[in-house]
Amino acid sequence: QEKDLVDGLCPIHRTTPDWIREKNY
């Protein structure tokens, strides 16, 4: 979630996540 990111980065891996849209179950 947006609120979980730190400066737009994953707080664990410090990488920029990808914006993805998927059809799932």
PDB file of all heavy atoms in Angstrom:
ATOM      1  N   GLN A   1       0.840  -1.184   0.000  1.00  0.00           N
ATOM      2  CA  GLN A   1       0.000   0.000   0.000  1.00  0.00           C
ATOM      3  C   GLN A   1       0.882   1.243   0.000  1.00  0.00           C
ATOM      4  O   GLN A   1       2.019   1.216   0.459  1.00  0.00           O
ATOM      5  CB  GLN A   1      -0.915  -0.004   1.230  1.00  0.00           C
ATOM      6  CG  GLN A   1      -1.915  -1.147   1.231  1.00  0.00           C
ATOM      7  CD  GLN A   1      -2.897  -1.062   2.379  1.00  0.00           C
ATOM      8  OE1 GLN A   1      -3.196   0.020   2.865  1.00  0.00           O
ATOM      9  NE2 GLN A   1      -3.401  -2.204   2.812  1.00  0.00           N
ATOM     10  N   GLU A   2       0.327   2.324  -0.507  1.00  0.00           N
ATOM     11  CA  GLU A   2       1.084   3.580  -0.601  1.00  0.00           C
ATOM     12  C   GLU A   2       1.674   3.976   0.746  1.00  0.00           C
ATOM     13  O   GLU A   2       2.825   4.408   0.852  1.00  0.00           O
ATOM     14  CB  GLU A   2       0.164   4.691  -1.122  1.00  0.00           C
ATOM     15  CG  GLU A   2       0.878   5.946  -1.579  1.00  0.00           C
ATOM     16  CD  GLU A   2       1.426   5.842  -2.982  1.00  0.00           C
ATOM     17  OE1 GLU A   2       0.752   5.277  -3.851  1.00  0.00           O
ATOM     18  OE2 GLU A   2       2.548   6.346  -3.198  1.00  0.00           O
ATOM     19  N   LYS A   3       0.877   3.790   1.804  1.00  0.00           N
ATOM     20  CA  LYS A   3       1.322   4.195   3.140  1.00  0.00           C
ATOM     21  C   LYS A   3       2.483   3.352   3.663  1.00  0.00           C
ATOM     22  O   LYS A   3       3.188   3.754   4.588  1.00  0.00           O
ATOM     23  CB  LYS A   3       0.152   4.124   4.131  1.00  0.00           C
ATOM     24  CG  LYS A   3      -0.393   2.723   4.354  1.00  0.00           C
ATOM     25  CD  LYS A   3      -1.556   2.736   5.331  1.00  0.00           C
ATOM     26  CE  LYS A   3      -2.146   1.350   5.547  1.00  0.00           C
ATOM     27  NZ  LYS A   3      -1.201   0.394   6.122  1.00  0.00           N
ATOM     28  N   ASP A   4       2.686   2.168   3.062  1.00  0.00           N
ATOM     29  CA  ASP A   4       3.759   1.280   3.515  1.00  0.00           C
ATOM     30  C   ASP A   4       5.105   1.604   2.874  1.00  0.00           C
ATOM     31  O   ASP A   4       6.148   1.133   3.342  1.00  0.00           O
ATOM     32  CB  ASP A   4       3.404  -0.185   3.213  1.00  0.00           C
ATOM     33  CG  ASP A   4       2.172  -0.643   3.971  1.00  0.00           C
ATOM     34  OD1 ASP A   4       1.982  -0.183   5.110  1.00  0.00           O
ATOM     35  OD2 ASP A   4       1.409  -1.457   3.419  1.00  0.00           O
ATOM     36  N   LEU A   5       5.082   2.387   1.792  1.00  0.00           N
ATOM     37  CA  LEU A   5       6.319   2.721   1.098  1.00  0.00           C
ATOM     38  C   LEU A   5       7.067   3.833   1.838  1.00  0.00           C
ATOM     39  O   LEU A   5       6.458   4.679   2.490  1.00  0.00           O
ATOM     40  CB  LEU A   5       6.026   3.162  -0.342  1.00  0.00           C
ATOM     41  CG  LEU A   5       5.277   2.149  -1.226  1.00  0.00           C
ATOM     42  CD1 LEU A   5       5.021   2.747  -2.600  1.00  0.00           C
ATOM     43  CD2 LEU A   5       6.051   0.842  -1.331  1.00  0.00           C
ATOM     44  N   VAL A   6       8.366   3.820   1.735  1.00  0.00           N
ATOM     45  CA  VAL A   6       9.215   4.852   2.329  1.00  0.00           C
ATOM     46  C   VAL A   6       9.935   5.573   1.194  1.00  0.00           C
ATOM     47  O   VAL A   6      10.762   4.969   0.505  1.00  0.00           O
ATOM     48  CB  VAL A   6      10.234   4.241   3.319  1.00  0.00           C
ATOM     49  CG1 VAL A   6      11.129   5.331   3.877  1.00  0.00           C
ATOM     50  CG2 VAL A   6       9.520   3.498   4.441  1.00  0.00           C
ATOM     51  N   ASP A   7       9.560   6.826   0.993  1.00  0.00           N
ATOM     52  CA  ASP A   7      10.121   7.602  -0.128  1.00  0.00           C
ATOM     53  C   ASP A   7       9.907   6.873  -1.454  1.00  0.00           C
ATOM     54  O   ASP A   7      10.774   6.876  -2.335  1.00  0.00           O
ATOM     55  CB  ASP A   7      11.615   7.875   0.080  1.00  0.00           C
ATOM     56  CG  ASP A   7      11.895   8.707   1.330  1.00  0.00           C
ATOM     57  OD1 ASP A   7      11.063   9.570   1.656  1.00  0.00           O
ATOM     58  OD2 ASP A   7      12.934   8.470   1.972  1.00  0.00           O
ATOM     59  N   GLY A   8       8.746   6.231  -1.562  1.00  0.00           N
ATOM     60  CA  GLY A   8       8.404   5.532  -2.789  1.00  0.00           C
ATOM     61  C   GLY A   8       9.061   4.181  -2.963  1.00  0.00           C
ATOM     62  O   GLY A   8       8.908   3.538  -4.005  1.00  0.00           O
ATOM     63  N   LEU A   9       9.795   3.725  -1.946  1.00  0.00           N
ATOM     64  CA  LEU A   9      10.531   2.467  -2.030  1.00  0.00           C
ATOM     65  C   LEU A   9       9.968   1.423  -1.070  1.00  0.00           C
ATOM     66  O   LEU A   9       9.366   1.763  -0.041  1.00  0.00           O
ATOM     67  CB  LEU A   9      12.010   2.702  -1.695  1.00  0.00           C
ATOM     68  CG  LEU A   9      12.754   3.740  -2.531  1.00  0.00           C
ATOM     69  CD1 LEU A   9      14.184   3.887  -2.007  1.00  0.00           C
ATOM     70  CD2 LEU A   9      12.761   3.359  -4.013  1.00  0.00           C
ATOM     71  N   CYS A  10      10.176   0.147  -1.415  1.00  0.00           N
ATOM     72  CA  CYS A  10       9.855  -0.933  -0.480  1.00  0.00           C
ATOM     73  C   CYS A  10      10.720  -0.747   0.761  1.00  0.00           C
ATOM     74  O   CYS A  10      11.951  -0.639   0.657  1.00  0.00           O
ATOM     75  CB  CYS A  10      10.144  -2.295  -1.124  1.00  0.00           C
ATOM     76  SG  CYS A  10      10.109  -3.679   0.051  1.00  0.00           S
ATOM     77  N   PRO A  11      10.129  -0.715   1.965  1.00  0.00           N
ATOM     78  CA  PRO A  11      10.917  -0.470   3.174  1.00  0.00           C
ATOM     79  C   PRO A  11      11.883  -1.605   3.510  1.00  0.00           C
ATOM     80  O   PRO A  11      12.842  -1.400   4.252  1.00  0.00           O
ATOM     81  CB  PRO A  11       9.845  -0.322   4.259  1.00  0.00           C
ATOM     82  CG  PRO A  11       8.668  -1.064   3.731  1.00  0.00           C
ATOM     83  CD  PRO A  11       8.705  -0.881   2.247  1.00  0.00           C
ATOM     84  N   ILE A  12      11.662  -2.790   2.942  1.00  0.00           N
ATOM     85  CA  ILE A  12      12.521  -3.940   3.240  1.00  0.00           C
ATOM     86  C   ILE A  12      13.693  -4.001   2.268  1.00  0.00           C
ATOM     87  O   ILE A  12      14.850  -4.120   2.670  1.00  0.00           O
ATOM     88  CB  ILE A  12      11.709  -5.252   3.182  1.00  0.00           C
ATOM     89  CG1 ILE A  12      10.591  -5.224   4.234  1.00  0.00           C
ATOM     90  CG2 ILE A  12      12.624  -6.463   3.389  1.00  0.00           C
ATOM     91  CD1 ILE A  12       9.633  -6.393   4.131  1.00  0.00           C
ATOM     92  N   HIS A  13      13.399  -3.914   0.975  1.00  0.00           N
ATOM     93  CA  HIS A  13      14.432  -4.113  -0.038  1.00  0.00           C
ATOM     94  C   HIS A  13      14.982  -2.809  -0.623  1.00  0.00           C
ATOM     95  O   HIS A  13      15.949  -2.837  -1.387  1.00  0.00           O
ATOM     96  CB  HIS A  13      13.893  -4.992  -1.173  1.00  0.00           C
ATOM     97  CG  HIS A  13      13.529  -6.370  -0.722  1.00  0.00           C
ATOM     98  ND1 HIS A  13      12.239  -6.731  -0.396  1.00  0.00           N
ATOM     99  CD2 HIS A  13      14.298  -7.471  -0.510  1.00  0.00           C
ATOM    100  CE1 HIS A  13      12.223  -8.002  -0.023  1.00  0.00           C
ATOM    101  NE2 HIS A  13      13.445  -8.471  -0.089  1.00  0.00           N
ATOM    102  N   ARG A  14      14.335  -1.670  -0.269  1.00  0.00           N
ATOM    103  CA  ARG A  14      14.783  -0.357  -0.753  1.00  0.00           C
ATOM    104  C   ARG A  14      14.835  -0.307  -2.274  1.00  0.00           C
ATOM    105  O   ARG A  14      15.749   0.266  -2.871  1.00  0.00           O
ATOM    106  CB  ARG A  14      16.151   0.014  -0.149  1.00  0.00           C
ATOM    107  CG  ARG A  14      16.212  -0.033   1.359  1.00  0.00           C
ATOM    108  CD  ARG A  14      15.221   0.914   1.990  1.00  0.00           C
ATOM    109  NE  ARG A  14      15.518   2.318   1.641  1.00  0.00           N
ATOM    110  CZ  ARG A  14      14.711   3.340   1.934  1.00  0.00           C
ATOM    111  NH1 ARG A  14      13.552   3.106   2.535  1.00  0.00           N
ATOM    112  NH2 ARG A  14      15.045   4.572   1.600  1.00  0.00           N
ATOM    113  N   THR A  15      13.863  -0.944  -2.910  1.00  0.00           N
ATOM    114  CA  THR A  15      13.748  -0.920  -4.369  1.00  0.00           C
ATOM    115  C   THR A  15      12.402  -0.302  -4.740  1.00  0.00           C
ATOM    116  O   THR A  15      11.456  -0.290  -3.936  1.00  0.00           O
ATOM    117  CB  THR A  15      13.830  -2.339  -4.959  1.00  0.00           C
ATOM    118  OG1 THR A  15      12.832  -3.175  -4.316  1.00  0.00           O
ATOM    119  CG2 THR A  15      15.204  -2.943  -4.739  1.00  0.00           C
ATOM    120  N   THR A  16      12.318   0.195  -5.961  1.00  0.00           N
ATOM    121  CA  THR A  16      11.074   0.795  -6.433  1.00  0.00           C
ATOM    122  C   THR A  16      10.119  -0.303  -6.894  1.00  0.00           C
ATOM    123  O   THR A  16      10.456  -1.071  -7.809  1.00  0.00           O
ATOM    124  CB  THR A  16      11.346   1.750  -7.607  1.00  0.00           C
ATOM    125  OG1 THR A  16      12.268   2.750  -7.186  1.00  0.00           O
ATOM    126  CG2 THR A  16      10.051   2.410  -8.060  1.00  0.00           C
ATOM    127  N   PRO A  17       8.947  -0.415  -6.284  1.00  0.00           N
ATOM    128  CA  PRO A  17       8.001  -1.449  -6.715  1.00  0.00           C
ATOM    129  C   PRO A  17       7.404  -1.124  -8.080  1.00  0.00           C
ATOM    130  O   PRO A  17       7.435   0.029  -8.531  1.00  0.00           O
ATOM    131  CB  PRO A  17       6.932  -1.430  -5.613  1.00  0.00           C
ATOM    132  CG  PRO A  17       7.041  -0.091  -4.982  1.00  0.00           C
ATOM    133  CD  PRO A  17       8.447   0.366  -5.143  1.00  0.00           C
ATOM    134  N   ASP A  18       6.893  -2.153  -8.734  1.00  0.00           N
ATOM    135  CA  ASP A  18       6.256  -1.991 -10.035  1.00  0.00           C
ATOM    136  C   ASP A  18       4.756  -1.783  -9.848  1.00  0.00           C
ATOM    137  O   ASP A  18       4.151  -2.377  -8.947  1.00  0.00           O
ATOM    138  CB  ASP A  18       6.471  -3.237 -10.903  1.00  0.00           C
ATOM    139  CG  ASP A  18       7.940  -3.523 -11.148  1.00  0.00           C
ATOM    140  OD1 ASP A  18       8.703  -2.553 -11.330  1.00  0.00           O
ATOM    141  OD2 ASP A  18       8.333  -4.712 -11.146  1.00  0.00           O
ATOM    142  N   TRP A  19       4.172  -0.951 -10.719  1.00  0.00           N
ATOM    143  CA  TRP A  19       2.721  -0.791 -10.701  1.00  0.00           C
ATOM    144  C   TRP A  19       2.119  -1.897 -11.571  1.00  0.00           C
ATOM    145  O   TRP A  19       2.393  -1.985 -12.759  1.00  0.00           O
ATOM    146  CB  TRP A  19       2.296   0.574 -11.228  1.00  0.00           C
ATOM    147  CG  TRP A  19       0.808   0.799 -11.119  1.00  0.00           C
ATOM    148  CD1 TRP A  19      -0.130   0.607 -12.079  1.00  0.00           C
ATOM    149  CD2 TRP A  19       0.102   1.218  -9.940  1.00  0.00           C
ATOM    150  NE1 TRP A  19      -1.382   0.883 -11.586  1.00  0.00           N
ATOM    151  CE2 TRP A  19      -1.277   1.264 -10.279  1.00  0.00           C
ATOM    152  CE3 TRP A  19       0.494   1.555  -8.648  1.00  0.00           C
ATOM    153  CZ2 TRP A  19      -2.256   1.640  -9.371  1.00  0.00           C
ATOM    154  CZ3 TRP A  19      -0.490   1.928  -7.736  1.00  0.00           C
ATOM    155  CH2 TRP A  19      -1.837   1.971  -8.092  1.00  0.00           C
ATOM    156  N   ILE A  20       1.317  -2.756 -10.967  1.00  0.00           N
ATOM    157  CA  ILE A  20       0.812  -3.944 -11.663  1.00  0.00           C
ATOM    158  C   ILE A  20      -0.714  -4.007 -11.547  1.00  0.00           C
ATOM    159  O   ILE A  20      -1.289  -3.703 -10.499  1.00  0.00           O
ATOM    160  CB  ILE A  20       1.428  -5.231 -11.065  1.00  0.00           C
ATOM    161  CG1 ILE A  20       2.911  -5.324 -11.439  1.00  0.00           C
ATOM    162  CG2 ILE A  20       0.694  -6.473 -11.558  1.00  0.00           C
ATOM    163  CD1 ILE A  20       3.600  -6.555 -10.900  1.00  0.00           C
ATOM    164  N   ARG A  21      -1.336  -4.402 -12.637  1.00  0.00           N
ATOM    165  CA  ARG A  21      -2.767  -4.701 -12.621  1.00  0.00           C
ATOM    166  C   ARG A  21      -2.941  -6.148 -13.064  1.00  0.00           C
ATOM    167  O   ARG A  21      -2.460  -6.538 -14.130  1.00  0.00           O
ATOM    168  CB  ARG A  21      -3.541  -3.767 -13.546  1.00  0.00           C
ATOM    169  CG  ARG A  21      -5.044  -4.095 -13.612  1.00  0.00           C
ATOM    170  CD  ARG A  21      -5.816  -3.095 -14.469  1.00  0.00           C
ATOM    171  NE  ARG A  21      -7.217  -3.479 -14.614  1.00  0.00           N
ATOM    172  CZ  ARG A  21      -8.163  -3.244 -13.720  1.00  0.00           C
ATOM    173  NH1 ARG A  21      -7.852  -2.611 -12.601  1.00  0.00           N
ATOM    174  NH2 ARG A  21      -9.415  -3.627 -13.926  1.00  0.00           N
ATOM    175  N   GLU A  22      -3.607  -6.937 -12.231  1.00  0.00           N
ATOM    176  CA  GLU A  22      -3.769  -8.363 -12.509  1.00  0.00           C
ATOM    177  C   GLU A  22      -5.216  -8.788 -12.298  1.00  0.00           C
ATOM    178  O   GLU A  22      -5.924  -8.228 -11.463  1.00  0.00           O
ATOM    179  CB  GLU A  22      -2.893  -9.202 -11.572  1.00  0.00           C
ATOM    180  CG  GLU A  22      -1.410  -9.116 -11.815  1.00  0.00           C
ATOM    181  CD  GLU A  22      -0.647 -10.045 -10.903  1.00  0.00           C
ATOM    182  OE1 GLU A  22      -1.231 -10.555  -9.911  1.00  0.00           O
ATOM    183  OE2 GLU A  22       0.538 -10.277 -11.182  1.00  0.00           O
ATOM    184  N   LYS A  23      -5.627  -9.794 -13.060  1.00  0.00           N
ATOM    185  CA  LYS A  23      -6.892 -10.475 -12.807  1.00  0.00           C
ATOM    186  C   LYS A  23      -6.574 -11.758 -12.052  1.00  0.00           C
ATOM    187  O   LYS A  23      -5.890 -12.636 -12.575  1.00  0.00           O
ATOM    188  CB  LYS A  23      -7.619 -10.769 -14.120  1.00  0.00           C
ATOM    189  CG  LYS A  23      -8.183  -9.541 -14.812  1.00  0.00           C
ATOM    190  CD  LYS A  23      -8.975  -9.902 -16.058  1.00  0.00           C
ATOM    191  CE  LYS A  23      -9.581  -8.651 -16.699  1.00  0.00           C
ATOM    192  NZ  LYS A  23     -10.359  -8.999 -17.921  1.00  0.00           N
ATOM    193  N   ASN A  24      -7.031 -11.845 -10.832  1.00  0.00           N
ATOM    194  CA  ASN A  24      -6.725 -12.984  -9.974  1.00  0.00           C
ATOM    195  C   ASN A  24      -7.987 -13.535  -9.331  1.00  0.00           C
ATOM    196  O   ASN A  24      -9.071 -12.949  -9.442  1.00  0.00           O
ATOM    197  CB  ASN A  24      -5.747 -12.565  -8.853  1.00  0.00           C
ATOM    198  CG  ASN A  24      -4.385 -12.219  -9.381  1.00  0.00           C
ATOM    199  OD1 ASN A  24      -3.951 -12.739 -10.395  1.00  0.00           O
ATOM    200  ND2 ASN A  24      -3.696 -11.316  -8.694  1.00  0.00           N
ATOM    201  N   TYR A  25      -7.803 -14.633  -8.623  1.00  0.00           N
ATOM    202  CA  TYR A  25      -8.859 -15.146  -7.755  1.00  0.00           C
ATOM    203  C   TYR A  25      -8.588 -14.643  -6.343  1.00  0.00           C
ATOM    204  O   TYR A  25      -7.448 -14.648  -5.875  1.00  0.00           O
ATOM    205  CB  TYR A  25      -8.894 -16.679  -7.796  1.00  0.00           C
ATOM    206  CG  TYR A  25      -9.460 -17.221  -9.093  1.00  0.00           C
ATOM    207  CD1 TYR A  25      -8.616 -17.583 -10.141  1.00  0.00           C
ATOM    208  CD2 TYR A  25     -10.831 -17.358  -9.264  1.00  0.00           C
ATOM    209  CE1 TYR A  25      -9.129 -18.065 -11.341  1.00  0.00           C
ATOM    210  CE2 TYR A  25     -11.351 -17.844 -10.455  1.00  0.00           C
ATOM    211  CZ  TYR A  25     -10.501 -18.191 -11.485  1.00  0.00           C
ATOM    212  OH  TYR A  25     -11.029 -18.656 -12.669  1.00  0.00           O
TER     213      TYR A  25
END
